[in-house]
Amino acid sequence: MNKLVDLQPKIVEKMIDDNIVMIDVRRKDEFKRTGIIKNVHLLTFFDEFGDYDIEKWMKEFEKLVTSKDQTFILICAHANRTRYIGNFLLAQGYKNTAHLFGGMALWAQELRETIPYE
């Protein structure tokens, strides 16, 4: 059984320019508040009420991650949502599922670069 890989911010930072799909699952208000990581794809999972549309989300996700063997990194605020989503994707057969350990909170705490969300 594959498991969700915790990637420290310093590791993710080194992967930014490596064509690895990074998916930020936070909401627009969060993107605006903290900025986003360069080259990230924005694909909100939970709305402000904690609801989600798994079929719609998976349809967009599958445009980014085109193979169940492809490596990708999930990003959220504190790594709680990504743990939930990552484990769901592992159960769907996605083998190389990783997430940003500590989320954007740790990223910001370590003063790593973000770009403004337009």
N, C-alpha and C. Protein backbone atom coordinates (compact mmCIF):
# COMPACT_ATOMS: atom_id res chain seq x y z
N MET A 1 0.85 -1.21 0.00
CA MET A 1 0.00 0.00 0.00
C MET A 1 0.88 1.25 0.00
N ASN A 2 0.64 2.11 -0.93
CA ASN A 2 1.37 3.37 -0.97
C ASN A 2 0.84 4.30 0.11
N LYS A 3 1.70 5.20 0.56
CA LYS A 3 1.21 6.15 1.54
C LYS A 3 1.53 7.57 1.12
N LEU A 4 0.80 8.49 1.71
CA LEU A 4 0.98 9.90 1.42
C LEU A 4 2.37 10.34 1.87
N VAL A 5 3.09 11.00 0.99
CA VAL A 5 4.45 11.45 1.29
C VAL A 5 4.41 12.88 1.82
N ASP A 6 5.02 13.08 3.00
CA ASP A 6 5.16 14.42 3.57
C ASP A 6 6.42 15.05 3.00
N LEU A 7 6.28 16.17 2.31
CA LEU A 7 7.45 16.87 1.78
C LEU A 7 7.66 18.17 2.53
N GLN A 8 8.85 18.35 3.09
CA GLN A 8 9.19 19.58 3.78
C GLN A 8 9.22 20.75 2.79
N PRO A 9 8.91 21.97 3.25
CA PRO A 9 8.94 23.13 2.35
C PRO A 9 10.25 23.27 1.56
N LYS A 10 11.39 23.01 2.19
CA LYS A 10 12.66 23.19 1.46
C LYS A 10 12.77 22.22 0.29
N ILE A 11 12.15 21.03 0.40
CA ILE A 11 12.16 20.05 -0.70
C ILE A 11 11.22 20.53 -1.81
N VAL A 12 10.02 20.95 -1.43
CA VAL A 12 9.04 21.44 -2.42
C VAL A 12 9.61 22.64 -3.17
N GLU A 13 10.29 23.52 -2.44
CA GLU A 13 10.87 24.71 -3.06
C GLU A 13 11.84 24.33 -4.19
N LYS A 14 12.59 23.26 -3.98
CA LYS A 14 13.55 22.80 -5.00
C LYS A 14 12.83 22.18 -6.21
N MET A 15 11.58 21.80 -6.03
CA MET A 15 10.82 21.12 -7.11
C MET A 15 9.99 22.08 -7.95
N ILE A 16 9.95 23.34 -7.57
CA ILE A 16 9.07 24.31 -8.24
C ILE A 16 9.29 24.35 -9.75
N ASP A 17 10.53 24.29 -10.19
CA ASP A 17 10.81 24.40 -11.62
C ASP A 17 11.00 23.05 -12.31
N ASP A 18 10.61 21.96 -11.64
CA ASP A 18 10.85 20.61 -12.17
C ASP A 18 9.67 20.00 -12.93
N ASN A 19 8.68 20.80 -13.31
CA ASN A 19 7.51 20.28 -14.02
C ASN A 19 6.73 19.25 -13.22
N ILE A 20 6.84 19.31 -11.90
CA ILE A 20 6.01 18.44 -11.07
C ILE A 20 4.71 19.20 -10.80
N VAL A 21 3.60 18.53 -11.00
CA VAL A 21 2.30 19.19 -10.80
C VAL A 21 2.09 19.47 -9.31
N MET A 22 1.91 20.75 -9.00
CA MET A 22 1.59 21.16 -7.64
C MET A 22 0.18 21.76 -7.65
N ILE A 23 -0.66 21.25 -6.77
CA ILE A 23 -2.06 21.66 -6.76
C ILE A 23 -2.41 22.26 -5.40
N ASP A 24 -2.77 23.54 -5.42
CA ASP A 24 -3.19 24.23 -4.20
C ASP A 24 -4.71 24.08 -4.11
N VAL A 25 -5.17 23.44 -3.04
CA VAL A 25 -6.60 23.10 -2.90
C VAL A 25 -7.36 24.11 -2.03
N ARG A 26 -6.68 25.19 -1.65
CA ARG A 26 -7.33 26.18 -0.78
C ARG A 26 -8.38 27.00 -1.55
N ARG A 27 -9.00 27.93 -0.84
CA ARG A 27 -10.02 28.81 -1.44
C ARG A 27 -9.41 30.14 -1.88
N LYS A 28 -10.14 30.85 -2.75
CA LYS A 28 -9.68 32.15 -3.26
C LYS A 28 -9.28 33.12 -2.15
N ASP A 29 -10.09 33.18 -1.09
CA ASP A 29 -9.77 34.12 -0.01
C ASP A 29 -8.42 33.77 0.62
N GLU A 30 -8.09 32.48 0.66
CA GLU A 30 -6.80 32.07 1.21
C GLU A 30 -5.66 32.39 0.25
N PHE A 31 -5.90 32.21 -1.05
CA PHE A 31 -4.87 32.56 -2.05
C PHE A 31 -4.53 34.04 -1.91
N LYS A 32 -5.58 34.88 -1.77
CA LYS A 32 -5.39 36.33 -1.67
C LYS A 32 -4.64 36.69 -0.39
N ARG A 33 -4.97 36.01 0.69
CA ARG A 33 -4.38 36.34 1.99
C ARG A 33 -2.89 36.02 2.06
N THR A 34 -2.48 34.88 1.55
CA THR A 34 -1.09 34.45 1.73
C THR A 34 -0.26 34.47 0.46
N GLY A 35 -0.91 34.65 -0.70
CA GLY A 35 -0.21 34.47 -1.95
C GLY A 35 -0.14 32.99 -2.27
N ILE A 36 0.50 32.68 -3.38
CA ILE A 36 0.58 31.29 -3.84
C ILE A 36 2.03 30.97 -4.22
N ILE A 37 2.32 29.70 -4.34
CA ILE A 37 3.65 29.26 -4.76
C ILE A 37 3.72 29.32 -6.29
N LYS A 38 4.85 29.77 -6.80
CA LYS A 38 5.05 29.87 -8.26
C LYS A 38 4.77 28.52 -8.93
N ASN A 39 4.17 28.57 -10.10
CA ASN A 39 3.87 27.39 -10.94
C ASN A 39 2.81 26.45 -10.37
N VAL A 40 2.11 26.87 -9.34
CA VAL A 40 1.09 26.00 -8.74
C VAL A 40 -0.22 26.09 -9.54
N HIS A 41 -0.97 25.00 -9.53
CA HIS A 41 -2.31 24.99 -10.14
C HIS A 41 -3.32 25.19 -9.01
N LEU A 42 -4.29 26.06 -9.23
CA LEU A 42 -5.29 26.36 -8.20
C LEU A 42 -6.54 25.53 -8.47
N LEU A 43 -6.84 24.66 -7.53
CA LEU A 43 -7.99 23.77 -7.70
C LEU A 43 -8.65 23.56 -6.33
N THR A 44 -9.50 24.51 -5.97
CA THR A 44 -10.16 24.49 -4.66
C THR A 44 -10.94 23.19 -4.47
N PHE A 45 -10.78 22.59 -3.30
CA PHE A 45 -11.51 21.35 -2.99
C PHE A 45 -12.73 21.65 -2.13
N PHE A 46 -12.52 22.12 -0.91
CA PHE A 46 -13.64 22.43 0.00
C PHE A 46 -14.05 23.89 -0.15
N ASP A 47 -15.36 24.17 -0.16
CA ASP A 47 -15.81 25.56 -0.13
C ASP A 47 -15.78 26.07 1.32
N GLU A 48 -16.24 27.29 1.52
CA GLU A 48 -16.17 27.87 2.87
C GLU A 48 -17.05 27.15 3.88
N PHE A 49 -17.95 26.30 3.41
CA PHE A 49 -18.83 25.53 4.30
C PHE A 49 -18.33 24.11 4.51
N GLY A 50 -17.19 23.77 3.89
CA GLY A 50 -16.65 22.42 4.03
C GLY A 50 -17.26 21.44 3.04
N ASP A 51 -18.01 21.95 2.09
CA ASP A 51 -18.63 21.08 1.08
C ASP A 51 -17.71 20.95 -0.13
N TYR A 52 -17.91 19.90 -0.90
CA TYR A 52 -17.12 19.69 -2.12
C TYR A 52 -17.92 18.88 -3.12
N ASP A 53 -17.50 18.99 -4.39
CA ASP A 53 -18.12 18.25 -5.48
C ASP A 53 -17.01 17.37 -6.06
N ILE A 54 -16.93 16.13 -5.60
CA ILE A 54 -15.82 15.25 -5.95
C ILE A 54 -15.76 14.97 -7.44
N GLU A 55 -16.89 14.82 -8.10
CA GLU A 55 -16.86 14.53 -9.54
C GLU A 55 -16.30 15.70 -10.33
N LYS A 56 -16.74 16.90 -9.99
CA LYS A 56 -16.25 18.11 -10.68
C LYS A 56 -14.76 18.28 -10.40
N TRP A 57 -14.35 18.11 -9.14
CA TRP A 57 -12.95 18.29 -8.77
C TRP A 57 -12.06 17.26 -9.49
N MET A 58 -12.49 16.01 -9.50
CA MET A 58 -11.70 14.95 -10.15
C MET A 58 -11.55 15.20 -11.64
N LYS A 59 -12.59 15.75 -12.26
CA LYS A 59 -12.53 16.05 -13.69
C LYS A 59 -11.41 17.05 -13.98
N GLU A 60 -11.30 18.08 -13.14
CA GLU A 60 -10.24 19.07 -13.29
C GLU A 60 -8.89 18.48 -12.90
N PHE A 61 -8.87 17.70 -11.82
CA PHE A 61 -7.64 17.06 -11.35
C PHE A 61 -7.04 16.16 -12.44
N GLU A 62 -7.90 15.40 -13.10
CA GLU A 62 -7.44 14.46 -14.14
C GLU A 62 -6.86 15.16 -15.37
N LYS A 63 -7.17 16.45 -15.54
CA LYS A 63 -6.54 17.23 -16.63
C LYS A 63 -5.09 17.55 -16.27
N LEU A 64 -4.81 17.64 -14.97
CA LEU A 64 -3.47 17.98 -14.49
C LEU A 64 -2.62 16.74 -14.26
N VAL A 65 -3.23 15.74 -13.63
CA VAL A 65 -2.54 14.48 -13.32
C VAL A 65 -3.14 13.43 -14.24
N THR A 66 -2.40 13.14 -15.33
CA THR A 66 -2.97 12.33 -16.40
C THR A 66 -2.68 10.84 -16.27
N SER A 67 -1.90 10.46 -15.26
CA SER A 67 -1.59 9.05 -15.05
C SER A 67 -1.55 8.77 -13.56
N LYS A 68 -1.96 7.58 -13.18
CA LYS A 68 -1.96 7.22 -11.76
C LYS A 68 -0.55 7.00 -11.22
N ASP A 69 0.45 7.00 -12.13
CA ASP A 69 1.85 6.87 -11.71
C ASP A 69 2.56 8.22 -11.60
N GLN A 70 1.90 9.28 -12.07
CA GLN A 70 2.51 10.61 -12.08
C GLN A 70 2.66 11.14 -10.66
N THR A 71 3.79 11.79 -10.39
CA THR A 71 4.01 12.42 -9.09
C THR A 71 3.33 13.78 -9.06
N PHE A 72 2.67 14.09 -7.95
CA PHE A 72 2.07 15.41 -7.78
C PHE A 72 2.11 15.77 -6.30
N ILE A 73 2.01 17.07 -6.04
CA ILE A 73 2.07 17.58 -4.67
C ILE A 73 0.82 18.39 -4.39
N LEU A 74 0.15 18.07 -3.30
CA LEU A 74 -1.03 18.82 -2.86
C LEU A 74 -0.61 19.85 -1.82
N ILE A 75 -1.26 21.01 -1.86
CA ILE A 75 -0.93 22.11 -0.96
C ILE A 75 -2.21 22.68 -0.36
N CYS A 76 -2.21 22.92 0.95
CA CYS A 76 -3.30 23.65 1.60
C CYS A 76 -2.71 24.53 2.70
N ALA A 77 -3.52 24.97 3.63
CA ALA A 77 -3.05 25.92 4.64
C ALA A 77 -2.18 25.25 5.71
N HIS A 78 -2.64 24.11 6.25
CA HIS A 78 -1.94 23.47 7.37
C HIS A 78 -1.70 21.98 7.15
N ALA A 79 -1.95 21.48 5.95
CA ALA A 79 -1.76 20.06 5.58
C ALA A 79 -2.85 19.15 6.14
N ASN A 80 -3.96 19.70 6.59
CA ASN A 80 -5.08 18.86 7.03
C ASN A 80 -5.94 18.43 5.85
N ARG A 81 -6.33 19.38 5.02
CA ARG A 81 -7.13 19.05 3.83
C ARG A 81 -6.35 18.14 2.89
N THR A 82 -5.05 18.43 2.72
CA THR A 82 -4.26 17.62 1.77
C THR A 82 -4.08 16.20 2.28
N ARG A 83 -4.04 16.01 3.58
CA ARG A 83 -3.94 14.65 4.12
C ARG A 83 -5.21 13.87 3.76
N TYR A 84 -6.34 14.51 3.94
CA TYR A 84 -7.64 13.90 3.62
C TYR A 84 -7.74 13.60 2.12
N ILE A 85 -7.45 14.60 1.29
CA ILE A 85 -7.56 14.45 -0.16
C ILE A 85 -6.52 13.45 -0.66
N GLY A 86 -5.30 13.54 -0.14
CA GLY A 86 -4.22 12.64 -0.56
C GLY A 86 -4.56 11.19 -0.27
N ASN A 87 -5.11 10.92 0.89
CA ASN A 87 -5.48 9.54 1.23
C ASN A 87 -6.63 9.05 0.35
N PHE A 88 -7.55 9.95 0.00
CA PHE A 88 -8.62 9.60 -0.93
C PHE A 88 -8.03 9.22 -2.29
N LEU A 89 -7.08 10.04 -2.79
CA LEU A 89 -6.47 9.78 -4.10
C LEU A 89 -5.65 8.49 -4.09
N LEU A 90 -4.97 8.21 -3.00
CA LEU A 90 -4.24 6.94 -2.87
C LEU A 90 -5.21 5.77 -3.00
N ALA A 91 -6.36 5.90 -2.36
CA ALA A 91 -7.38 4.84 -2.44
C ALA A 91 -7.92 4.67 -3.86
N GLN A 92 -7.82 5.74 -4.67
CA GLN A 92 -8.25 5.69 -6.07
C GLN A 92 -7.15 5.11 -6.97
N GLY A 93 -5.99 4.80 -6.39
CA GLY A 93 -4.92 4.19 -7.17
C GLY A 93 -3.80 5.12 -7.59
N TYR A 94 -3.82 6.37 -7.13
CA TYR A 94 -2.72 7.30 -7.46
C TYR A 94 -1.54 6.96 -6.55
N LYS A 95 -0.44 6.52 -7.16
CA LYS A 95 0.67 5.94 -6.40
C LYS A 95 1.65 6.96 -5.83
N ASN A 96 1.87 8.06 -6.53
CA ASN A 96 2.92 9.01 -6.14
C ASN A 96 2.32 10.32 -5.62
N THR A 97 1.58 10.19 -4.52
CA THR A 97 0.85 11.30 -3.94
C THR A 97 1.65 11.90 -2.79
N ALA A 98 1.92 13.20 -2.88
CA ALA A 98 2.67 13.89 -1.83
C ALA A 98 1.93 15.15 -1.44
N HIS A 99 2.28 15.68 -0.27
CA HIS A 99 1.73 16.98 0.10
C HIS A 99 2.76 17.80 0.85
N LEU A 100 2.52 19.11 0.86
CA LEU A 100 3.41 20.06 1.52
C LEU A 100 3.22 19.93 3.02
N PHE A 101 4.23 19.38 3.69
CA PHE A 101 4.18 19.21 5.14
C PHE A 101 4.05 20.59 5.80
N GLY A 102 3.10 20.72 6.71
CA GLY A 102 2.90 21.99 7.40
C GLY A 102 2.13 23.03 6.60
N GLY A 103 1.87 22.71 5.33
CA GLY A 103 1.08 23.60 4.49
C GLY A 103 1.70 24.98 4.29
N MET A 104 0.86 25.89 3.82
CA MET A 104 1.32 27.26 3.56
C MET A 104 1.69 27.97 4.86
N ALA A 105 1.18 27.50 5.99
CA ALA A 105 1.54 28.12 7.27
C ALA A 105 3.03 27.94 7.53
N LEU A 106 3.53 26.71 7.36
CA LEU A 106 4.96 26.45 7.56
C LEU A 106 5.78 27.13 6.46
N TRP A 107 5.28 27.11 5.24
CA TRP A 107 5.96 27.77 4.11
C TRP A 107 6.21 29.25 4.46
N ALA A 108 5.18 29.92 4.96
CA ALA A 108 5.28 31.34 5.31
C ALA A 108 6.20 31.53 6.52
N GLN A 109 6.08 30.64 7.49
CA GLN A 109 6.90 30.72 8.70
C GLN A 109 8.39 30.64 8.34
N GLU A 110 8.70 29.84 7.33
CA GLU A 110 10.09 29.69 6.88
C GLU A 110 10.47 30.77 5.86
N LEU A 111 9.57 31.74 5.65
CA LEU A 111 9.81 32.88 4.77
C LEU A 111 10.15 32.47 3.33
N ARG A 112 9.49 31.43 2.86
CA ARG A 112 9.71 30.99 1.48
C ARG A 112 8.87 31.85 0.54
N GLU A 113 9.30 31.91 -0.71
CA GLU A 113 8.72 32.85 -1.66
C GLU A 113 7.30 32.49 -2.09
N THR A 114 6.46 33.51 -2.15
CA THR A 114 5.13 33.36 -2.74
C THR A 114 4.95 34.50 -3.75
N ILE A 115 3.99 34.31 -4.63
CA ILE A 115 3.63 35.38 -5.56
C ILE A 115 2.20 35.79 -5.26
N PRO A 116 1.85 37.05 -5.50
CA PRO A 116 0.49 37.50 -5.20
C PRO A 116 -0.53 36.77 -6.08
N TYR A 117 -1.67 36.52 -5.51
CA TYR A 117 -2.79 35.94 -6.29
C TYR A 117 -3.54 37.10 -6.91
N GLU A 118 -3.71 37.05 -8.22
CA GLU A 118 -4.40 38.14 -8.94
C GLU A 118 -5.88 37.87 -8.96
